[in-house]
Amino acid sequence: MPQETIFLPVLAMAALTFFVLMFIPLRRFRAVFARDLTPDDFALGESDRVSAHVALANRNYMNLLEMPVLFYAVCVAMFVTGTVDSLAVNLAWVYVALRVAHSLVHLSFNHVITRVSLFAASNFAVIALWVVFGARIWERAAG
């Protein structure tokens, strides 16, 4: 399997992050144009006047800049060490699919149990990637 294959889910994850990023100004501008908020309500990020609907995009974006850092790091580490295999690529795609589902739930109907379940499952997927990476490196070091 070409080692570069690991970067396809990485690219998809980056695309999701950029897609969610577009929602932040979109929701903020709509709120300002509807005169629900003023630009000053965003002077320090978000004020108490900002509704959950407007703030949600920003919160989801922040989620996409936290735990995914470990996803990006393990994918690059696997590429650099030549330990990319079909298991790793499949786990990476599972992680991305779960994060897409999490973002869709978060930005739409926001059912907390569904959202938290998807978030937890995605964390298990990235943990599994690290376990696979660790096992591959352990095999090389021991062998």
Protein backbone atom coordinates (compact mmCIF):
# COMPACT_ATOMS: atom_id res chain seq x y z
CA MET A 1 0.00 0.00 0.00
CA PRO A 2 1.38 3.44 -0.89
CA GLN A 3 2.34 5.26 2.32
CA GLU A 4 0.79 8.47 0.96
CA THR A 5 -2.66 6.85 1.23
CA ILE A 6 -2.78 7.93 4.89
CA PHE A 7 -3.01 11.52 3.71
CA LEU A 8 -6.40 11.03 2.02
CA PRO A 9 -8.28 10.94 5.35
CA VAL A 10 -5.98 13.73 6.58
CA LEU A 11 -7.07 15.87 3.63
CA ALA A 12 -10.71 15.01 4.33
CA MET A 13 -10.30 16.03 7.97
CA ALA A 14 -8.72 19.33 6.94
CA ALA A 15 -11.59 19.90 4.47
CA LEU A 16 -14.11 19.32 7.26
CA THR A 17 -12.29 21.84 9.45
CA PHE A 18 -12.30 24.47 6.69
CA PHE A 19 -15.97 23.74 5.93
CA VAL A 20 -16.97 24.29 9.57
CA LEU A 21 -14.80 27.42 9.69
CA MET A 22 -17.02 28.96 6.97
CA PHE A 23 -20.06 28.58 9.22
CA ILE A 24 -18.67 30.96 11.85
CA PRO A 25 -18.85 34.20 9.84
CA LEU A 26 -21.98 33.00 8.05
CA ARG A 27 -23.90 32.61 11.32
CA ARG A 28 -22.41 35.76 12.80
CA PHE A 29 -23.24 37.91 9.77
CA ARG A 30 -26.79 36.54 9.66
CA ALA A 31 -27.29 37.43 13.32
CA VAL A 32 -25.93 40.95 12.78
CA PHE A 33 -27.95 41.53 9.58
CA ALA A 34 -31.08 40.30 11.38
CA ARG A 35 -30.22 42.86 14.10
CA ASP A 36 -30.19 40.12 16.74
CA LEU A 37 -26.60 41.10 17.54
CA THR A 38 -24.14 43.86 16.84
CA PRO A 39 -20.53 43.52 15.69
CA ASP A 40 -19.50 44.57 19.21
CA ASP A 41 -21.00 41.32 20.52
CA PHE A 42 -18.03 39.59 18.88
CA ALA A 43 -15.33 42.06 19.95
CA LEU A 44 -13.76 39.54 22.35
CA GLY A 45 -14.92 36.41 20.55
CA GLU A 46 -18.43 35.97 21.87
CA SER A 47 -20.49 37.87 24.41
CA ASP A 48 -23.26 36.55 26.61
CA ARG A 49 -25.75 37.91 24.07
CA VAL A 50 -24.62 35.45 21.37
CA SER A 51 -27.20 32.70 20.99
CA ALA A 52 -26.26 29.02 21.11
CA HIS A 53 -27.11 28.67 17.41
CA VAL A 54 -24.54 31.32 16.49
CA ALA A 55 -21.91 30.09 18.97
CA LEU A 56 -22.24 26.43 17.96
CA ALA A 57 -20.20 26.78 14.78
CA ASN A 58 -17.33 28.31 16.74
CA ARG A 59 -17.51 25.57 19.37
CA ASN A 60 -17.50 22.86 16.71
CA TYR A 61 -14.54 24.51 15.00
CA MET A 62 -12.65 24.56 18.32
CA ASN A 63 -13.41 20.82 18.69
CA LEU A 64 -11.82 20.29 15.27
CA LEU A 65 -8.63 21.97 16.47
CA GLU A 66 -8.26 19.95 19.67
CA MET A 67 -8.37 16.14 19.52
CA PRO A 68 -7.69 15.96 15.76
CA VAL A 69 -4.16 17.21 16.47
CA LEU A 70 -3.44 13.69 17.75
CA PHE A 71 -4.97 12.27 14.55
CA TYR A 72 -2.75 14.43 12.35
CA ALA A 73 0.31 13.60 14.44
CA VAL A 74 -0.16 9.83 14.28
CA CYS A 75 -0.84 9.92 10.54
CA VAL A 76 2.35 11.87 9.90
CA ALA A 77 4.29 9.59 12.27
CA MET A 78 3.03 6.51 10.41
CA PHE A 79 4.01 8.02 7.08
CA VAL A 80 7.48 9.03 8.27
CA THR A 81 8.16 5.61 9.76
CA GLY A 82 6.67 3.70 6.84
CA THR A 83 4.10 1.95 9.05
CA VAL A 84 1.02 2.83 7.01
CA ASP A 85 -1.06 -0.25 6.23
CA SER A 86 -4.69 -0.95 5.36
CA LEU A 87 -5.64 -1.19 9.04
CA ALA A 88 -4.24 2.28 9.70
CA VAL A 89 -5.92 3.80 6.66
CA ASN A 90 -9.26 2.20 7.53
CA LEU A 91 -9.04 3.43 11.13
CA ALA A 92 -8.18 6.91 9.84
CA TRP A 93 -11.27 6.89 7.61
CA VAL A 94 -13.41 5.66 10.51
CA TYR A 95 -12.11 8.57 12.59
CA VAL A 96 -12.93 11.08 9.84
CA ALA A 97 -16.40 9.61 9.27
CA LEU A 98 -17.16 9.82 12.99
CA ARG A 99 -15.94 13.42 13.16
CA VAL A 100 -18.06 14.34 10.12
CA ALA A 101 -21.09 12.75 11.79
CA HIS A 102 -20.25 14.55 15.05
CA SER A 103 -20.07 17.91 13.26
CA LEU A 104 -23.32 17.27 11.40
CA VAL A 105 -25.11 16.47 14.64
CA HIS A 106 -23.48 19.36 16.50
CA LEU A 107 -24.35 21.93 13.83
CA SER A 108 -27.88 20.70 13.17
CA PHE A 109 -30.20 19.08 15.70
CA ASN A 110 -27.48 18.82 18.41
CA HIS A 111 -28.85 15.79 20.27
CA VAL A 112 -26.37 15.58 23.15
CA ILE A 113 -26.33 11.78 23.61
CA THR A 114 -25.80 11.22 19.87
CA ARG A 115 -23.12 13.90 19.70
CA VAL A 116 -21.23 12.65 22.74
CA SER A 117 -21.43 9.05 21.51
CA LEU A 118 -19.94 10.01 18.15
CA PHE A 119 -17.26 12.07 19.85
CA ALA A 120 -16.35 9.19 22.18
CA ALA A 121 -16.28 6.69 19.31
CA SER A 122 -14.00 8.99 17.32
CA ASN A 123 -11.66 9.21 20.31
CA PHE A 124 -11.50 5.41 20.45
CA ALA A 125 -10.64 5.37 16.73
CA VAL A 126 -7.72 7.77 17.20
CA ILE A 127 -6.57 5.81 20.26
CA ALA A 128 -6.67 2.66 18.12
CA LEU A 129 -4.49 4.42 15.52
CA TRP A 130 -1.93 5.20 18.21
CA VAL A 131 -2.04 1.62 19.48
CA VAL A 132 -1.46 0.30 15.95
CA PHE A 133 1.39 2.76 15.46
CA GLY A 134 2.91 1.79 18.81
CA ALA A 135 2.64 -1.90 17.97
CA ARG A 136 4.35 -1.39 14.60
CA ILE A 137 7.18 0.60 16.18
CA TRP A 138 7.49 -1.95 19.01
CA GLU A 139 7.77 -4.78 16.45
CA ARG A 140 10.57 -2.94 14.66
CA ALA A 141 12.44 -2.10 17.85
CA ALA A 142 12.15 -5.65 19.19
CA GLY A 143 12.84 -7.37 15.90
